[in-house]
Amino acid sequence: MIDNNALFSYLRKSFMQCITLNSKIMKKIFIIAVAVCSVFAVTSCKSSKESAYQKAYDEARQVEQTDDVEIAPVASSTKNVAQDADTSYRTEKVVLASGKEGALKDFSVVCGSFSSKENAEKLRASLVEEGYNAIVAQNPETGMYRVICASFDTKEEAAVSRAQFKADHPQNNDFQKAWLLYNK
């Protein structure tokens, strides 16, 4: 005959081993399930903010790479042009990237800014064809290329030149945004 206490003790011990084994397996399954869910959550959901930034960046690149800059021919620039009331300027440290040596002075009229040197060179070439002594200067801090149509020793001369440049290109909205740069 089998001792009931021994049988009960054996069954109880076996049952506890099963429970321990099952709980270890269950813990592993739970951890794996949480890990899989986390991976799906991180990889499948992009925030709308990232998408909006990417879309804006792509649109800006497309605009920059297009050659839709309309350049009007140079007319006789003997018009009397009043100096712009706005003689404000931006201060940047720029270095000559292309153009005539010594042409970059303290105050310049910037008529285009590009992150691509190739695009800046295209605008510079078209301005040279119009008769401007255009140059390209680069801001080493930002990497931006500034297309400069004229450069002077004084802010006043630069402001008058900017006003004349705008008057010579009334149909070109990009040129109407020309600004003064002080090369520090």
C-alpha atoms as a PDB file:
ATOM      1  CA  MET A   1       0.000   0.000   0.000  1.00  0.00           C
ATOM      2  CA  ILE A   2       1.072   3.529  -0.732  1.00  0.00           C
ATOM      3  CA  ASP A   3       1.412   5.976   2.063  1.00  0.00           C
ATOM      4  CA  ASN A   4      -1.104   8.803   1.561  1.00  0.00           C
ATOM      5  CA  ASN A   5       1.210  11.348   3.114  1.00  0.00           C
ATOM      6  CA  ALA A   6       4.062  10.371   0.817  1.00  0.00           C
ATOM      7  CA  LEU A   7       1.762  10.462  -2.221  1.00  0.00           C
ATOM      8  CA  PHE A   8       0.337  13.800  -1.172  1.00  0.00           C
ATOM      9  CA  SER A   9       3.847  15.175  -0.591  1.00  0.00           C
ATOM     10  CA  TYR A  10       5.003  13.887  -4.006  1.00  0.00           C
ATOM     11  CA  LEU A  11       1.985  15.391  -5.815  1.00  0.00           C
ATOM     12  CA  ARG A  12       2.387  18.674  -4.001  1.00  0.00           C
ATOM     13  CA  LYS A  13       6.090  18.835  -4.914  1.00  0.00           C
ATOM     14  CA  SER A  14       5.346  18.012  -8.580  1.00  0.00           C
ATOM     15  CA  PHE A  15       2.557  20.587  -8.709  1.00  0.00           C
ATOM     16  CA  MET A  16       4.857  23.310  -7.299  1.00  0.00           C
ATOM     17  CA  GLN A  17       7.526  22.465  -9.865  1.00  0.00           C
ATOM     18  CA  CYS A  18       4.925  22.808 -12.649  1.00  0.00           C
ATOM     19  CA  ILE A  19       3.759  26.146 -11.291  1.00  0.00           C
ATOM     20  CA  THR A  20       7.346  27.407 -10.992  1.00  0.00           C
ATOM     21  CA  LEU A  21       8.143  26.215 -14.516  1.00  0.00           C
ATOM     22  CA  ASN A  22       4.949  27.765 -15.897  1.00  0.00           C
ATOM     23  CA  SER A  23       5.582  31.083 -14.171  1.00  0.00           C
ATOM     24  CA  LYS A  24       9.114  31.244 -15.629  1.00  0.00           C
ATOM     25  CA  ILE A  25       7.748  30.543 -19.093  1.00  0.00           C
ATOM     26  CA  MET A  26       4.963  33.060 -18.595  1.00  0.00           C
ATOM     27  CA  LYS A  27       7.468  35.710 -17.504  1.00  0.00           C
ATOM     28  CA  LYS A  28       9.558  35.079 -20.612  1.00  0.00           C
ATOM     29  CA  ILE A  29       6.508  35.240 -22.865  1.00  0.00           C
ATOM     30  CA  PHE A  30       5.388  38.462 -21.206  1.00  0.00           C
ATOM     31  CA  ILE A  31       8.816  40.084 -21.611  1.00  0.00           C
ATOM     32  CA  ILE A  32       8.993  39.054 -25.270  1.00  0.00           C
ATOM     33  CA  ALA A  33       5.477  40.389 -25.906  1.00  0.00           C
ATOM     34  CA  VAL A  34       6.320  43.741 -24.300  1.00  0.00           C
ATOM     35  CA  ALA A  35       9.519  43.991 -26.350  1.00  0.00           C
ATOM     36  CA  VAL A  36       7.717  43.221 -29.617  1.00  0.00           C
ATOM     37  CA  CYS A  37       4.986  45.779 -28.852  1.00  0.00           C
ATOM     38  CA  SER A  38       7.605  48.399 -28.019  1.00  0.00           C
ATOM     39  CA  VAL A  39       9.431  47.810 -31.297  1.00  0.00           C
ATOM     40  CA  PHE A  40       6.193  48.140 -33.264  1.00  0.00           C
ATOM     41  CA  ALA A  41       5.209  51.281 -31.393  1.00  0.00           C
ATOM     42  CA  VAL A  42       8.543  52.983 -32.018  1.00  0.00           C
ATOM     43  CA  THR A  43       9.007  51.997 -35.659  1.00  0.00           C
ATOM     44  CA  SER A  44       5.503  52.264 -37.050  1.00  0.00           C
ATOM     45  CA  CYS A  45       4.420  55.622 -35.631  1.00  0.00           C
ATOM     46  CA  LYS A  46       6.045  58.756 -36.989  1.00  0.00           C
ATOM     47  CA  SER A  47       5.000  61.982 -35.421  1.00  0.00           C
ATOM     48  CA  SER A  48       3.202  64.450 -37.638  1.00  0.00           C
ATOM     49  CA  LYS A  49       5.752  67.057 -36.554  1.00  0.00           C
ATOM     50  CA  GLU A  50       8.579  65.119 -38.208  1.00  0.00           C
ATOM     51  CA  SER A  51       6.545  64.729 -41.365  1.00  0.00           C
ATOM     52  CA  ALA A  52       5.737  68.440 -41.468  1.00  0.00           C
ATOM     53  CA  TYR A  53       9.395  69.373 -41.042  1.00  0.00           C
ATOM     54  CA  GLN A  54      10.441  66.912 -43.753  1.00  0.00           C
ATOM     55  CA  LYS A  55       7.781  68.262 -46.112  1.00  0.00           C
ATOM     56  CA  ALA A  56       8.869  71.876 -45.542  1.00  0.00           C
ATOM     57  CA  TYR A  57      12.519  70.925 -46.040  1.00  0.00           C
ATOM     58  CA  ASP A  58      11.761  69.107 -49.302  1.00  0.00           C
ATOM     59  CA  GLU A  59       9.722  72.043 -50.620  1.00  0.00           C
ATOM     60  CA  ALA A  60      12.515  74.492 -49.778  1.00  0.00           C
ATOM     61  CA  ARG A  61      15.058  72.343 -51.594  1.00  0.00           C
ATOM     62  CA  GLN A  62      12.855  72.156 -54.681  1.00  0.00           C
ATOM     63  CA  VAL A  63      12.409  75.922 -54.720  1.00  0.00           C
ATOM     64  CA  GLU A  64      16.134  76.460 -54.323  1.00  0.00           C
ATOM     65  CA  GLN A  65      17.016  74.065 -57.133  1.00  0.00           C
ATOM     66  CA  THR A  66      14.625  75.531 -59.682  1.00  0.00           C
ATOM     67  CA  ASP A  67      15.815  78.142 -62.108  1.00  0.00           C
ATOM     68  CA  ASP A  68      12.705  80.279 -62.059  1.00  0.00           C
ATOM     69  CA  VAL A  69      14.582  83.472 -61.252  1.00  0.00           C
ATOM     70  CA  GLU A  70      13.401  86.000 -63.778  1.00  0.00           C
ATOM     71  CA  ILE A  71      16.119  88.455 -64.690  1.00  0.00           C
ATOM     72  CA  ALA A  72      15.184  91.588 -66.536  1.00  0.00           C
ATOM     73  CA  PRO A  73      17.715  93.188 -68.889  1.00  0.00           C
ATOM     74  CA  VAL A  74      19.648  96.180 -67.607  1.00  0.00           C
ATOM     75  CA  ALA A  75      18.084  99.399 -68.678  1.00  0.00           C
ATOM     76  CA  SER A  76      19.838 102.693 -68.668  1.00  0.00           C
ATOM     77  CA  SER A  77      20.265 103.369 -64.982  1.00  0.00           C
ATOM     78  CA  THR A  78      20.229 107.136 -65.141  1.00  0.00           C
ATOM     79  CA  LYS A  79      16.971 107.323 -63.179  1.00  0.00           C
ATOM     80  CA  ASN A  80      16.954 109.337 -60.024  1.00  0.00           C
ATOM     81  CA  VAL A  81      16.372 106.870 -57.240  1.00  0.00           C
ATOM     82  CA  ALA A  82      15.720 108.041 -53.722  1.00  0.00           C
ATOM     83  CA  GLN A  83      17.708 106.256 -51.080  1.00  0.00           C
ATOM     84  CA  ASP A  84      15.674 103.649 -49.193  1.00  0.00           C
ATOM     85  CA  ALA A  85      14.581 104.877 -45.817  1.00  0.00           C
ATOM     86  CA  ASP A  86      15.616 101.487 -44.484  1.00  0.00           C
ATOM     87  CA  THR A  87      19.389 101.407 -44.145  1.00  0.00           C
ATOM     88  CA  SER A  88      19.408  98.495 -41.737  1.00  0.00           C
ATOM     89  CA  TYR A  89      21.906  95.757 -42.399  1.00  0.00           C
ATOM     90  CA  ARG A  90      22.896  92.284 -41.287  1.00  0.00           C
ATOM     91  CA  THR A  91      26.324  91.649 -39.865  1.00  0.00           C
ATOM     92  CA  GLU A  92      28.103  88.498 -41.018  1.00  0.00           C
ATOM     93  CA  LYS A  93      31.661  87.430 -41.605  1.00  0.00           C
ATOM     94  CA  VAL A  94      31.907  86.402 -45.253  1.00  0.00           C
ATOM     95  CA  VAL A  95      34.808  85.437 -47.479  1.00  0.00           C
ATOM     96  CA  LEU A  96      35.097  85.745 -51.238  1.00  0.00           C
ATOM     97  CA  ALA A  97      34.063  82.491 -52.914  1.00  0.00           C
ATOM     98  CA  SER A  98      34.209  83.683 -56.526  1.00  0.00           C
ATOM     99  CA  GLY A  99      34.616  86.930 -58.387  1.00  0.00           C
ATOM    100  CA  LYS A 100      37.178  89.668 -58.672  1.00  0.00           C
ATOM    101  CA  GLU A 101      39.750  89.859 -55.848  1.00  0.00           C
ATOM    102  CA  GLY A 102      39.347  92.991 -53.758  1.00  0.00           C
ATOM    103  CA  ALA A 103      35.720  93.428 -54.836  1.00  0.00           C
ATOM    104  CA  LEU A 104      34.356  92.504 -51.402  1.00  0.00           C
ATOM    105  CA  LYS A 105      34.191  95.626 -49.230  1.00  0.00           C
ATOM    106  CA  ASP A 106      32.603  96.506 -45.886  1.00  0.00           C
ATOM    107  CA  PHE A 107      28.996  97.028 -47.074  1.00  0.00           C
ATOM    108  CA  SER A 108      27.430  94.914 -49.811  1.00  0.00           C
ATOM    109  CA  VAL A 109      24.091  94.580 -51.580  1.00  0.00           C
ATOM    110  CA  VAL A 110      22.971  90.941 -51.353  1.00  0.00           C
ATOM    111  CA  CYS A 111      20.451  89.959 -54.027  1.00  0.00           C
ATOM    112  CA  GLY A 112      20.446  86.186 -53.460  1.00  0.00           C
ATOM    113  CA  SER A 113      21.333  83.595 -50.810  1.00  0.00           C
ATOM    114  CA  PHE A 114      21.845  79.921 -51.514  1.00  0.00           C
ATOM    115  CA  SER A 115      23.048  76.834 -49.700  1.00  0.00           C
ATOM    116  CA  SER A 116      24.285  75.532 -53.055  1.00  0.00           C
ATOM    117  CA  LYS A 117      27.335  77.211 -54.607  1.00  0.00           C
ATOM    118  CA  GLU A 118      26.172  76.042 -58.032  1.00  0.00           C
ATOM    119  CA  ASN A 119      22.907  77.994 -57.718  1.00  0.00           C
ATOM    120  CA  ALA A 120      24.762  81.063 -56.462  1.00  0.00           C
ATOM    121  CA  GLU A 121      27.133  80.880 -59.422  1.00  0.00           C
ATOM    122  CA  LYS A 122      24.191  80.738 -61.863  1.00  0.00           C
ATOM    123  CA  LEU A 123      22.755  83.962 -60.459  1.00  0.00           C
ATOM    124  CA  ARG A 124      26.183  85.602 -60.408  1.00  0.00           C
ATOM    125  CA  ALA A 125      26.749  84.699 -64.075  1.00  0.00           C
ATOM    126  CA  SER A 126      23.421  86.205 -65.102  1.00  0.00           C
ATOM    127  CA  LEU A 127      24.222  89.418 -63.190  1.00  0.00           C
ATOM    128  CA  VAL A 128      27.643  89.630 -64.855  1.00  0.00           C
ATOM    129  CA  GLU A 129      25.883  89.303 -68.229  1.00  0.00           C
ATOM    130  CA  GLU A 130      23.733  92.283 -67.205  1.00  0.00           C
ATOM    131  CA  GLY A 131      26.847  94.320 -66.502  1.00  0.00           C
ATOM    132  CA  TYR A 132      27.148  93.999 -62.737  1.00  0.00           C
ATOM    133  CA  ASN A 133      30.458  93.237 -61.019  1.00  0.00           C
ATOM    134  CA  ALA A 134      28.735  90.467 -59.099  1.00  0.00           C
ATOM    135  CA  ILE A 135      30.599  88.230 -56.685  1.00  0.00           C
ATOM    136  CA  VAL A 136      29.765  85.258 -54.489  1.00  0.00           C
ATOM    137  CA  ALA A 137      30.751  85.355 -50.827  1.00  0.00           C
ATOM    138  CA  GLN A 138      30.382  82.517 -48.341  1.00  0.00           C
ATOM    139  CA  ASN A 139      29.523  82.691 -44.666  1.00  0.00           C
ATOM    140  CA  PRO A 140      31.738  79.935 -43.204  1.00  0.00           C
ATOM    141  CA  GLU A 141      29.600  79.684 -40.052  1.00  0.00           C
ATOM    142  CA  THR A 142      26.331  78.946 -41.864  1.00  0.00           C
ATOM    143  CA  GLY A 143      27.684  77.641 -45.166  1.00  0.00           C
ATOM    144  CA  MET A 144      25.375  80.018 -47.062  1.00  0.00           C
ATOM    145  CA  TYR A 145      26.525  81.590 -50.317  1.00  0.00           C
ATOM    146  CA  ARG A 146      25.610  85.268 -50.719  1.00  0.00           C
ATOM    147  CA  VAL A 147      25.320  86.676 -54.248  1.00  0.00           C
ATOM    148  CA  ILE A 148      26.474  90.277 -54.070  1.00  0.00           C
ATOM    149  CA  CYS A 149      25.677  92.654 -56.932  1.00  0.00           C
ATOM    150  CA  ALA A 150      27.671  95.597 -55.525  1.00  0.00           C
ATOM    151  CA  SER A 151      30.023  96.291 -52.612  1.00  0.00           C
ATOM    152  CA  PHE A 152      31.045  99.609 -51.043  1.00  0.00           C
ATOM    153  CA  ASP A 153      33.063 101.160 -48.226  1.00  0.00           C
ATOM    154  CA  THR A 154      30.075 103.007 -46.736  1.00  0.00           C
ATOM    155  CA  LYS A 155      26.560 102.024 -45.736  1.00  0.00           C
ATOM    156  CA  GLU A 156      25.088 105.054 -47.516  1.00  0.00           C
ATOM    157  CA  GLU A 157      26.611 104.107 -50.891  1.00  0.00           C
ATOM    158  CA  ALA A 158      25.354 100.551 -50.451  1.00  0.00           C
ATOM    159  CA  ALA A 159      21.827 101.761 -49.582  1.00  0.00           C
ATOM    160  CA  VAL A 160      21.685 103.938 -52.708  1.00  0.00           C
ATOM    161  CA  SER A 161      22.944 101.047 -54.829  1.00  0.00           C
ATOM    162  CA  ARG A 162      20.337  98.695 -53.360  1.00  0.00           C
ATOM    163  CA  ALA A 163      17.564 101.182 -54.149  1.00  0.00           C
ATOM    164  CA  GLN A 164      18.857 101.512 -57.729  1.00  0.00           C
ATOM    165  CA  PHE A 165      19.078  97.740 -58.077  1.00  0.00           C
ATOM    166  CA  LYS A 166      15.471  97.346 -56.926  1.00  0.00           C
ATOM    167  CA  ALA A 167      14.357 100.113 -59.301  1.00  0.00           C
ATOM    168  CA  ASP A 168      16.145  98.396 -62.192  1.00  0.00           C
ATOM    169  CA  HIS A 169      14.302  95.110 -61.465  1.00  0.00           C
ATOM    170  CA  PRO A 170      10.721  96.072 -60.536  1.00  0.00           C
ATOM    171  CA  GLN A 171       9.214  92.808 -61.816  1.00  0.00           C
ATOM    172  CA  ASN A 172      11.582  90.502 -59.927  1.00  0.00           C
ATOM    173  CA  ASN A 173      10.164  89.776 -56.462  1.00  0.00           C
ATOM    174  CA  ASP A 174      13.377  88.063 -55.348  1.00  0.00           C
ATOM    175  CA  PHE A 175      15.468  91.129 -56.208  1.00  0.00           C
ATOM    176  CA  GLN A 176      12.996  93.347 -54.373  1.00  0.00           C
ATOM    177  CA  LYS A 177      14.137  91.540 -51.208  1.00  0.00           C
ATOM    178  CA  ALA A 178      17.768  92.659 -51.658  1.00  0.00           C
ATOM    179  CA  TRP A 179      19.421  93.510 -48.352  1.00  0.00           C
ATOM    180  CA  LEU A 180      22.576  95.120 -46.982  1.00  0.00           C
ATOM    181  CA  LEU A 181      25.382  93.078 -45.505  1.00  0.00           C
ATOM    182  CA  TYR A 182      28.110  94.415 -43.238  1.00  0.00           C
ATOM    183  CA  ASN A 183      31.187  92.203 -43.462  1.00  0.00           C
ATOM    184  CA  LYS A 184      32.674  92.185 -39.960  1.00  0.00           C
END
